[in-house]
Amino acid sequence: MLDYTYLLSIAIILLSTKVFGGLTEKIHLPHVVGALVAGVIIGPSMLGIVDNTTFLDEVAQIGVIILMFMAGLDTDLGEIKRKGASYLLIAIMGVVIPLVGGFLSYMWFFHINPGVEQDLLKALFVGVVLTATSVSITIEALRELGQVNSRIGNAILGAAIVDDVLGIIVLTIITSFKDTNISISAVLLRMAVYFVCMFIFGVITTIGAKFLDFKRDRRRITVYVLALVFIISYISEIYVGIADITGAYLIGVIFSRFSVRNEIVKKVNVLSYLFFSPIFFASIGLKTKFDNFSSQTFIFAIILIIVAILTKIIGAGVGAKICKFTNHEALNIGIGMVSRGEVALIVAQKGYNLGLIDADLFSPIILMVVVTTIFTPIILKKTLEEKNDDSEDKLKDEDVITQG
């Protein structure tokens, strides 16, 4: 007999995320922070009225795919073309520094002997987890502030896409030492072919769009495009080994140049806001469990959180500064890359399956993911709004001087 408990779980998630989202907005914090807090409160770590299930995980994954597709629709492709080299440098710095920081933290805290290969691989894998960047929540915060299509927003998005590719390469290299069935050269070749194919697909789509009458079939075009998003996401994840959200984002970028873009955004945004996004944001909180924390794992969790935040801000921020971004822009780019989200959880699960992450280490990683995910929109909103306030004050002063 079919279990209908999932209906009650969905209802609780939708209501709680909207209630807490409204509360956080009243204290001038992004709506997504309230949704994350709601997930923690109703989840196993506190009230325990909603359990994280396979169904909710799958719905949450659809939510993040839709969010990244919409982020692609909001992306200024011309800006990315002009700043491609900058985004590459930001991503490299944002991967290398956290990798080294996570590796050294694990080595130092657990007094690891570098001569023991298994322990060395575990330390390296903690670093790999910290290289992950999940900008889906950052994008929602930027969207609320109207900054998705700004220099900062484009830099975060562009660097995050490159970061995802670099993260996959690093993950492949580390896991190849554990799993002899993984071929580094084969993965790199698949990735190269994938991006070439996506480029060709974008060119073909752009040429074909000239011969299509979007106005006559405007009601159905969103369905066709959304189906395409899911197909490309599936191919990316299953056959290429690149995160499904990367494929979704690239499809969004391709369609961002078409006149039908606004129609797609209007319809998909309703779908995302009403159902999929709340479940995705809450699902991160649902994964948090504090009952298996020992004093040692809690201390390591605090260290991991500090290292995770600082290494991304320093790595991506320094990379942005080298690329001629202002101090304020570099800081916000670094902050925007801090959130680990579902990407780190996926990487951690891969390490767990290969025996590179112990069960006791899972809770510190999940806590790090939750804290960095909450930290990012809160701090990003504050730093961006402070800059806007300074700009407005400067304009007022200039007006007074002019009138005088």
Protein backbone atom coordinates (compact mmCIF):
# COMPACT_ATOMS: atom_id res chain seq x y z
CA MET A 1 0.00 0.00 0.00
CA LEU A 2 1.25 3.47 -0.89
CA ASP A 3 2.62 5.48 2.04
CA TYR A 4 1.13 8.98 2.00
CA THR A 5 3.42 10.40 4.70
CA TYR A 6 5.31 12.32 2.02
CA LEU A 7 2.25 14.56 1.55
CA LEU A 8 2.39 15.65 5.18
CA SER A 9 6.17 16.17 4.95
CA ILE A 10 5.77 18.41 1.90
CA ALA A 11 3.04 20.43 3.60
CA ILE A 12 5.19 20.97 6.71
CA ILE A 13 8.20 21.97 4.61
CA LEU A 14 6.24 24.44 2.47
CA LEU A 15 4.56 26.07 5.48
CA SER A 16 7.67 26.21 7.68
CA THR A 17 9.95 27.60 4.96
CA LYS A 18 7.47 30.36 4.15
CA VAL A 19 6.92 31.24 7.82
CA PHE A 20 10.63 31.31 8.69
CA GLY A 21 11.46 32.92 5.35
CA GLY A 22 9.04 35.72 6.18
CA LEU A 23 10.55 36.13 9.63
CA THR A 24 14.11 36.41 8.30
CA GLU A 25 12.98 38.96 5.71
CA LYS A 26 11.55 41.09 8.53
CA ILE A 27 14.99 41.24 10.15
CA HIS A 28 16.51 42.08 6.77
CA LEU A 29 18.02 38.67 6.00
CA PRO A 30 17.53 36.70 2.76
CA HIS A 31 14.44 34.49 2.54
CA VAL A 32 16.64 31.44 1.90
CA VAL A 33 18.19 31.70 5.37
CA GLY A 34 14.77 31.17 6.91
CA ALA A 35 14.17 28.15 4.67
CA LEU A 36 17.47 26.61 5.79
CA VAL A 37 16.72 27.27 9.46
CA ALA A 38 13.26 25.75 8.97
CA GLY A 39 14.88 22.57 7.65
CA VAL A 40 17.11 22.32 10.72
CA ILE A 41 14.22 22.92 13.14
CA ILE A 42 11.74 20.44 11.62
CA GLY A 43 14.48 17.90 10.88
CA PRO A 44 16.07 15.11 12.95
CA SER A 45 18.45 17.43 14.80
CA MET A 46 15.61 19.27 16.61
CA LEU A 47 11.87 18.55 16.39
CA GLY A 48 12.21 15.46 14.21
CA ILE A 49 8.80 15.85 12.56
CA VAL A 50 10.19 15.47 9.03
CA ASP A 51 12.74 12.86 7.98
CA ASN A 52 15.03 13.21 5.01
CA THR A 53 13.83 10.63 2.47
CA THR A 54 14.90 9.55 -1.00
CA PHE A 55 11.80 11.23 -2.41
CA LEU A 56 12.63 14.57 -0.78
CA ASP A 57 16.24 14.28 -1.95
CA GLU A 58 15.06 13.77 -5.54
CA VAL A 59 12.60 16.67 -5.37
CA ALA A 60 15.34 18.84 -3.84
CA GLN A 61 17.66 17.94 -6.71
CA ILE A 62 15.02 19.06 -9.20
CA GLY A 63 14.83 22.30 -7.23
CA VAL A 64 18.55 23.01 -7.49
CA ILE A 65 18.54 22.12 -11.21
CA ILE A 66 15.76 24.65 -11.80
CA LEU A 67 17.57 27.28 -9.72
CA MET A 68 20.76 26.87 -11.74
CA PHE A 69 18.83 26.92 -15.01
CA MET A 70 17.29 30.24 -13.98
CA ALA A 71 20.73 31.50 -12.96
CA GLY A 72 21.86 30.69 -16.49
CA LEU A 73 18.94 32.67 -17.91
CA ASP A 74 20.08 35.65 -15.81
CA THR A 75 23.71 35.39 -16.94
CA ASP A 76 25.27 38.05 -19.14
CA LEU A 77 27.08 35.88 -21.70
CA GLY A 78 28.92 38.85 -23.16
CA GLU A 79 30.41 39.65 -19.75
CA ILE A 80 31.56 36.05 -19.29
CA LYS A 81 33.20 36.07 -22.74
CA ARG A 82 35.07 39.24 -21.85
CA LYS A 83 36.11 37.99 -18.39
CA GLY A 84 36.67 34.26 -19.07
CA ALA A 85 40.36 34.35 -18.11
CA SER A 86 39.53 36.17 -14.87
CA TYR A 87 36.94 33.57 -13.89
CA LEU A 88 39.45 30.80 -14.54
CA LEU A 89 42.02 32.37 -12.21
CA ILE A 90 39.40 33.02 -9.50
CA ALA A 91 38.27 29.40 -9.72
CA ILE A 92 41.82 28.01 -9.59
CA MET A 93 42.64 30.06 -6.49
CA GLY A 94 39.27 29.09 -5.00
CA VAL A 95 40.10 25.41 -5.42
CA VAL A 96 43.80 25.25 -4.53
CA ILE A 97 43.67 27.25 -1.27
CA PRO A 98 40.73 25.29 0.26
CA LEU A 99 42.29 22.00 -0.89
CA VAL A 100 45.52 22.80 0.92
CA GLY A 101 43.67 24.22 3.94
CA GLY A 102 41.45 21.15 4.38
CA PHE A 103 44.38 18.78 3.90
CA LEU A 104 46.59 20.53 6.46
CA SER A 105 43.72 20.88 8.97
CA TYR A 106 43.00 17.15 8.95
CA MET A 107 46.72 16.28 9.09
CA TRP A 108 47.32 18.61 12.04
CA PHE A 109 44.20 17.81 14.09
CA PHE A 110 44.36 14.02 13.82
CA HIS A 111 48.20 13.85 13.86
CA ILE A 112 48.29 11.94 10.58
CA ASN A 113 51.47 10.17 9.51
CA PRO A 114 52.13 11.15 5.85
CA GLY A 115 53.76 7.78 5.32
CA VAL A 116 50.43 5.94 5.71
CA GLU A 117 48.81 6.09 2.27
CA GLN A 118 45.22 5.51 3.48
CA ASP A 119 45.43 8.32 6.06
CA LEU A 120 47.05 10.62 3.53
CA LEU A 121 44.22 9.99 1.07
CA LYS A 122 41.65 10.74 3.80
CA ALA A 123 43.35 14.08 4.52
CA LEU A 124 43.43 14.90 0.83
CA PHE A 125 39.76 14.04 0.49
CA VAL A 126 38.79 16.47 3.26
CA GLY A 127 40.54 19.09 1.15
CA VAL A 128 38.58 17.93 -1.90
CA VAL A 129 35.30 18.41 -0.01
CA LEU A 130 36.30 22.01 0.78
CA THR A 131 37.02 22.76 -2.90
CA ALA A 132 33.32 22.39 -3.72
CA THR A 133 31.25 25.50 -4.42
CA SER A 134 27.46 25.56 -4.49
CA VAL A 135 26.17 28.90 -5.74
CA SER A 136 22.49 27.99 -5.91
CA ILE A 137 21.78 29.69 -2.56
CA THR A 138 24.18 32.54 -3.36
CA ILE A 139 22.26 33.10 -6.59
CA GLU A 140 18.97 33.36 -4.72
CA ALA A 141 20.50 35.94 -2.38
CA LEU A 142 21.93 37.87 -5.35
CA ARG A 143 18.55 37.69 -7.08
CA GLU A 144 16.86 39.25 -4.04
CA LEU A 145 19.42 42.07 -4.13
CA GLY A 146 19.21 42.53 -7.91
CA GLN A 147 22.89 41.61 -8.30
CA VAL A 148 22.74 38.45 -10.45
CA ASN A 149 23.71 40.30 -13.61
CA SER A 150 26.29 42.57 -11.94
CA ARG A 151 30.07 42.25 -12.22
CA ILE A 152 30.07 40.46 -8.87
CA GLY A 153 27.20 38.12 -9.80
CA ASN A 154 28.70 37.20 -13.16
CA ALA A 155 32.11 36.61 -11.59
CA ILE A 156 30.64 34.28 -8.95
CA LEU A 157 28.63 32.35 -11.55
CA GLY A 158 31.45 32.13 -14.07
CA ALA A 159 34.04 31.11 -11.49
CA ALA A 160 31.65 28.56 -9.95
CA ILE A 161 31.17 26.79 -13.29
CA VAL A 162 34.95 26.56 -13.77
CA ASP A 163 35.26 25.59 -10.10
CA ASP A 164 32.89 22.67 -10.69
CA VAL A 165 35.03 21.38 -13.55
CA LEU A 166 38.25 21.77 -11.55
CA GLY A 167 36.61 20.07 -8.58
CA ILE A 168 35.64 17.10 -10.73
CA ILE A 169 39.24 16.84 -11.99
CA VAL A 170 40.66 16.94 -8.44
CA LEU A 171 38.04 14.46 -7.24
CA THR A 172 38.92 12.11 -10.09
CA ILE A 173 42.64 12.33 -9.39
CA ILE A 174 42.25 11.59 -5.67
CA THR A 175 39.73 8.77 -6.10
CA SER A 176 41.82 7.22 -8.85
CA PHE A 177 44.36 6.24 -6.20
CA LYS A 178 41.61 4.30 -4.43
CA ASP A 179 39.59 3.00 -7.37
CA THR A 180 41.73 1.56 -10.16
CA ASN A 181 38.69 1.45 -12.49
CA ILE A 182 38.73 5.25 -12.85
CA SER A 183 40.82 6.60 -15.72
CA ILE A 184 41.88 10.23 -15.35
CA SER A 185 42.62 10.64 -19.05
CA ALA A 186 39.23 9.17 -20.00
CA VAL A 187 37.39 11.56 -17.68
CA LEU A 188 39.32 14.58 -18.99
CA LEU A 189 38.58 13.54 -22.56
CA ARG A 190 34.85 13.15 -21.80
CA MET A 191 34.80 16.59 -20.21
CA ALA A 192 36.52 18.20 -23.19
CA VAL A 193 34.12 16.54 -25.60
CA TYR A 194 31.18 17.58 -23.40
CA PHE A 195 32.01 21.29 -23.47
CA VAL A 196 32.74 21.21 -27.19
CA CYS A 197 29.36 19.53 -27.75
CA MET A 198 27.59 22.10 -25.57
CA PHE A 199 29.22 24.90 -27.55
CA ILE A 200 28.15 23.34 -30.85
CA PHE A 201 24.65 22.80 -29.46
CA GLY A 202 24.50 26.47 -28.48
CA VAL A 203 25.54 27.57 -31.96
CA ILE A 204 23.00 25.25 -33.63
CA THR A 205 20.25 26.41 -31.26
CA THR A 206 21.04 30.06 -31.95
CA ILE A 207 20.93 29.51 -35.73
CA GLY A 208 17.76 27.39 -35.50
CA ALA A 209 16.01 29.99 -33.34
CA LYS A 210 15.97 32.38 -36.28
CA PHE A 211 13.61 30.05 -38.13
CA LEU A 212 11.27 29.36 -35.20
CA ASP A 213 8.15 31.33 -34.41
CA PHE A 214 8.32 31.53 -30.62
CA LYS A 215 5.28 33.82 -30.47
CA ARG A 216 2.92 31.29 -32.02
CA ASP A 217 4.00 28.47 -29.69
CA ARG A 218 4.84 30.56 -26.63
CA ARG A 219 2.69 28.49 -24.23
CA ARG A 220 4.57 25.26 -24.98
CA ILE A 221 8.11 26.55 -25.34
CA THR A 222 8.72 26.53 -21.56
CA VAL A 223 7.75 22.84 -21.40
CA TYR A 224 10.12 21.99 -24.26
CA VAL A 225 13.00 23.94 -22.73
CA LEU A 226 12.46 22.49 -19.24
CA ALA A 227 12.44 18.98 -20.69
CA LEU A 228 15.71 19.83 -22.45
CA VAL A 229 17.19 21.03 -19.14
CA PHE A 230 16.44 17.69 -17.47
CA ILE A 231 17.79 15.70 -20.44
CA ILE A 232 21.09 17.63 -20.51
CA SER A 233 21.35 17.42 -16.70
CA TYR A 234 20.92 13.65 -16.89
CA ILE A 235 23.52 13.27 -19.64
CA SER A 236 25.96 15.52 -17.76
CA GLU A 237 25.70 13.53 -14.54
CA ILE A 238 25.44 9.97 -15.83
CA TYR A 239 27.51 9.89 -19.01
CA VAL A 240 30.05 12.69 -18.55
CA GLY A 241 30.65 12.82 -14.80
CA ILE A 242 29.97 16.56 -14.55
CA ALA A 243 27.37 17.80 -12.05
CA ASP A 244 23.84 17.94 -13.43
CA ILE A 245 23.52 21.56 -12.28
CA THR A 246 26.35 22.53 -14.65
CA GLY A 247 24.35 21.20 -17.60
CA ALA A 248 21.24 23.04 -16.38
CA TYR A 249 23.18 26.28 -16.04
CA LEU A 250 24.66 26.00 -19.53
CA ILE A 251 21.20 25.48 -21.07
CA GLY A 252 20.04 28.60 -19.25
CA VAL A 253 22.98 30.54 -20.69
CA ILE A 254 22.11 29.37 -24.22
CA PHE A 255 18.48 30.51 -23.92
CA SER A 256 19.37 33.75 -22.11
CA ARG A 257 19.89 35.44 -25.50
CA PHE A 258 16.47 34.58 -26.95
CA SER A 259 13.39 36.81 -26.96
CA VAL A 260 11.38 34.03 -25.29
CA ARG A 261 13.60 34.22 -22.20
CA ASN A 262 11.19 36.42 -20.21
CA GLU A 263 8.32 34.03 -20.85
CA ILE A 264 10.38 31.08 -19.60
CA VAL A 265 11.54 32.98 -16.50
CA LYS A 266 7.98 33.99 -15.59
CA LYS A 267 6.61 30.45 -15.72
CA VAL A 268 9.57 28.57 -14.25
CA ASN A 269 9.94 31.08 -11.42
CA VAL A 270 6.40 30.31 -10.22
CA LEU A 271 7.11 26.58 -10.29
CA SER A 272 10.36 27.06 -8.39
CA TYR A 273 9.02 29.47 -5.78
CA LEU A 274 5.88 27.50 -4.94
CA PHE A 275 7.31 24.01 -4.67
CA PHE A 276 10.82 22.97 -5.65
CA SER A 277 13.04 25.67 -4.13
CA PRO A 278 11.57 25.47 -0.58
CA ILE A 279 12.10 21.72 -0.52
CA PHE A 280 15.69 22.09 -1.75
CA PHE A 281 16.62 24.71 0.85
CA ALA A 282 14.92 22.79 3.67
CA SER A 283 16.56 19.50 2.62
CA ILE A 284 19.99 20.85 3.56
CA GLY A 285 18.80 21.46 7.11
CA LEU A 286 17.14 18.04 7.22
CA LYS A 287 20.52 16.37 6.65
CA THR A 288 21.93 17.82 9.86
CA LYS A 289 22.22 15.45 12.85
CA PHE A 290 23.93 16.47 16.07
CA ASP A 291 23.26 13.34 18.15
CA ASN A 292 26.48 11.54 17.10
CA PHE A 293 28.81 14.44 17.90
CA SER A 294 31.68 13.74 20.28
CA SER A 295 33.76 16.55 21.76
CA GLN A 296 36.57 15.77 19.32
CA THR A 297 34.36 15.79 16.23
CA PHE A 298 32.68 19.02 17.40
CA ILE A 299 36.05 20.77 17.78
CA PHE A 300 37.11 19.52 14.36
CA ALA A 301 33.79 20.74 12.94
CA ILE A 302 34.52 24.25 14.25
CA ILE A 303 38.01 24.15 12.74
CA LEU A 304 36.61 22.86 9.45
CA ILE A 305 34.02 25.66 9.33
CA ILE A 306 36.62 28.36 9.96
CA VAL A 307 38.99 26.90 7.37
CA ALA A 308 36.16 26.47 4.86
CA ILE A 309 35.09 30.11 5.15
CA LEU A 310 38.54 31.71 5.23
CA THR A 311 40.12 29.66 2.44
CA LYS A 312 37.33 30.43 -0.05
CA ILE A 313 37.28 34.13 0.78
CA ILE A 314 41.08 34.37 0.60
CA GLY A 315 41.49 32.10 -2.43
CA ALA A 316 38.71 33.46 -4.65
CA GLY A 317 39.14 36.97 -3.26
CA VAL A 318 42.86 37.14 -4.04
CA GLY A 319 42.18 35.67 -7.48
CA ALA A 320 39.59 38.40 -8.10
CA LYS A 321 41.98 41.09 -6.86
CA ILE A 322 44.69 39.87 -9.24
CA CYS A 323 42.11 40.18 -12.03
CA LYS A 324 41.67 43.91 -11.30
CA PHE A 325 38.43 43.72 -9.33
CA THR A 326 38.10 46.33 -6.58
CA ASN A 327 38.63 45.38 -2.94
CA HIS A 328 34.87 45.42 -2.34
CA GLU A 329 34.15 43.28 -5.41
CA ALA A 330 36.93 40.81 -4.55
CA LEU A 331 35.61 40.44 -0.99
CA ASN A 332 32.06 39.78 -2.18
CA ILE A 333 33.21 37.32 -4.84
CA GLY A 334 35.11 35.43 -2.16
CA ILE A 335 32.09 35.45 0.16
CA GLY A 336 29.81 34.35 -2.68
CA MET A 337 31.97 31.26 -3.26
CA VAL A 338 31.90 30.13 0.40
CA SER A 339 28.66 28.12 0.28
CA ARG A 340 29.32 24.37 -0.18
CA GLY A 341 25.70 23.13 -0.32
CA GLU A 342 24.75 19.91 -2.05
CA VAL A 343 28.01 19.74 -4.03
CA ALA A 344 30.08 19.07 -0.90
CA LEU A 345 27.53 16.52 0.28
CA ILE A 346 27.76 14.66 -3.04
CA VAL A 347 31.57 14.67 -2.85
CA ALA A 348 31.47 13.52 0.78
CA GLN A 349 29.11 10.67 -0.11
CA LYS A 350 31.52 9.59 -2.87
CA GLY A 351 34.37 9.56 -0.35
CA TYR A 352 32.29 7.61 2.14
CA ASN A 353 31.47 4.96 -0.47
CA LEU A 354 35.18 4.58 -1.23
CA GLY A 355 36.17 4.46 2.45
CA LEU A 356 37.96 7.82 2.32
CA ILE A 357 35.59 9.44 4.82
CA ASP A 358 34.68 7.78 8.11
CA ALA A 359 31.10 7.83 9.40
CA ASP A 360 32.19 10.03 12.33
CA LEU A 361 33.48 12.65 9.90
CA PHE A 362 30.14 13.00 8.14
CA SER A 363 28.54 15.14 10.86
CA PRO A 364 31.32 17.79 10.87
CA ILE A 365 31.08 17.98 7.07
CA ILE A 366 27.30 18.39 7.15
CA LEU A 367 27.58 21.06 9.86
CA MET A 368 30.21 22.85 7.75
CA VAL A 369 27.86 22.72 4.74
CA VAL A 370 24.93 24.12 6.74
CA VAL A 371 26.96 26.91 8.38
CA THR A 372 28.67 28.01 5.15
CA THR A 373 25.35 27.91 3.34
CA ILE A 374 23.71 30.13 5.97
CA PHE A 375 26.81 32.33 6.32
CA THR A 376 27.03 33.21 2.63
CA PRO A 377 23.69 34.95 1.99
CA ILE A 378 23.73 36.73 5.37
CA ILE A 379 27.22 38.23 4.98
CA LEU A 380 26.84 38.81 1.23
CA LYS A 381 23.62 40.75 1.76
CA LYS A 382 25.25 42.85 4.48
CA THR A 383 28.42 43.72 2.53
CA LEU A 384 26.53 44.49 -0.68
CA GLU A 385 23.95 46.66 1.06
CA GLU A 386 26.66 48.58 2.94
CA LYS A 387 28.30 49.44 -0.39
CA ASN A 388 24.97 50.54 -1.85
CA ASP A 389 24.32 52.74 1.21
CA ASP A 390 27.78 54.33 0.85
CA SER A 391 27.10 55.02 -2.86
CA GLU A 392 23.74 56.62 -2.06
CA ASP A 393 25.31 58.83 0.64
CA LYS A 394 28.01 59.88 -1.79
CA LEU A 395 25.43 60.84 -4.40
CA LYS A 396 23.48 62.86 -1.80
CA ASP A 397 26.66 64.70 -0.79
CA GLU A 398 27.42 65.47 -4.44
CA ASP A 399 23.88 66.79 -4.93
CA VAL A 400 24.26 69.09 -1.90
CA ILE A 401 27.58 70.40 -3.22
CA THR A 402 26.07 70.95 -6.67
CA GLN A 403 23.03 72.77 -5.26
CA GLY A 404 25.28 74.87 -3.04
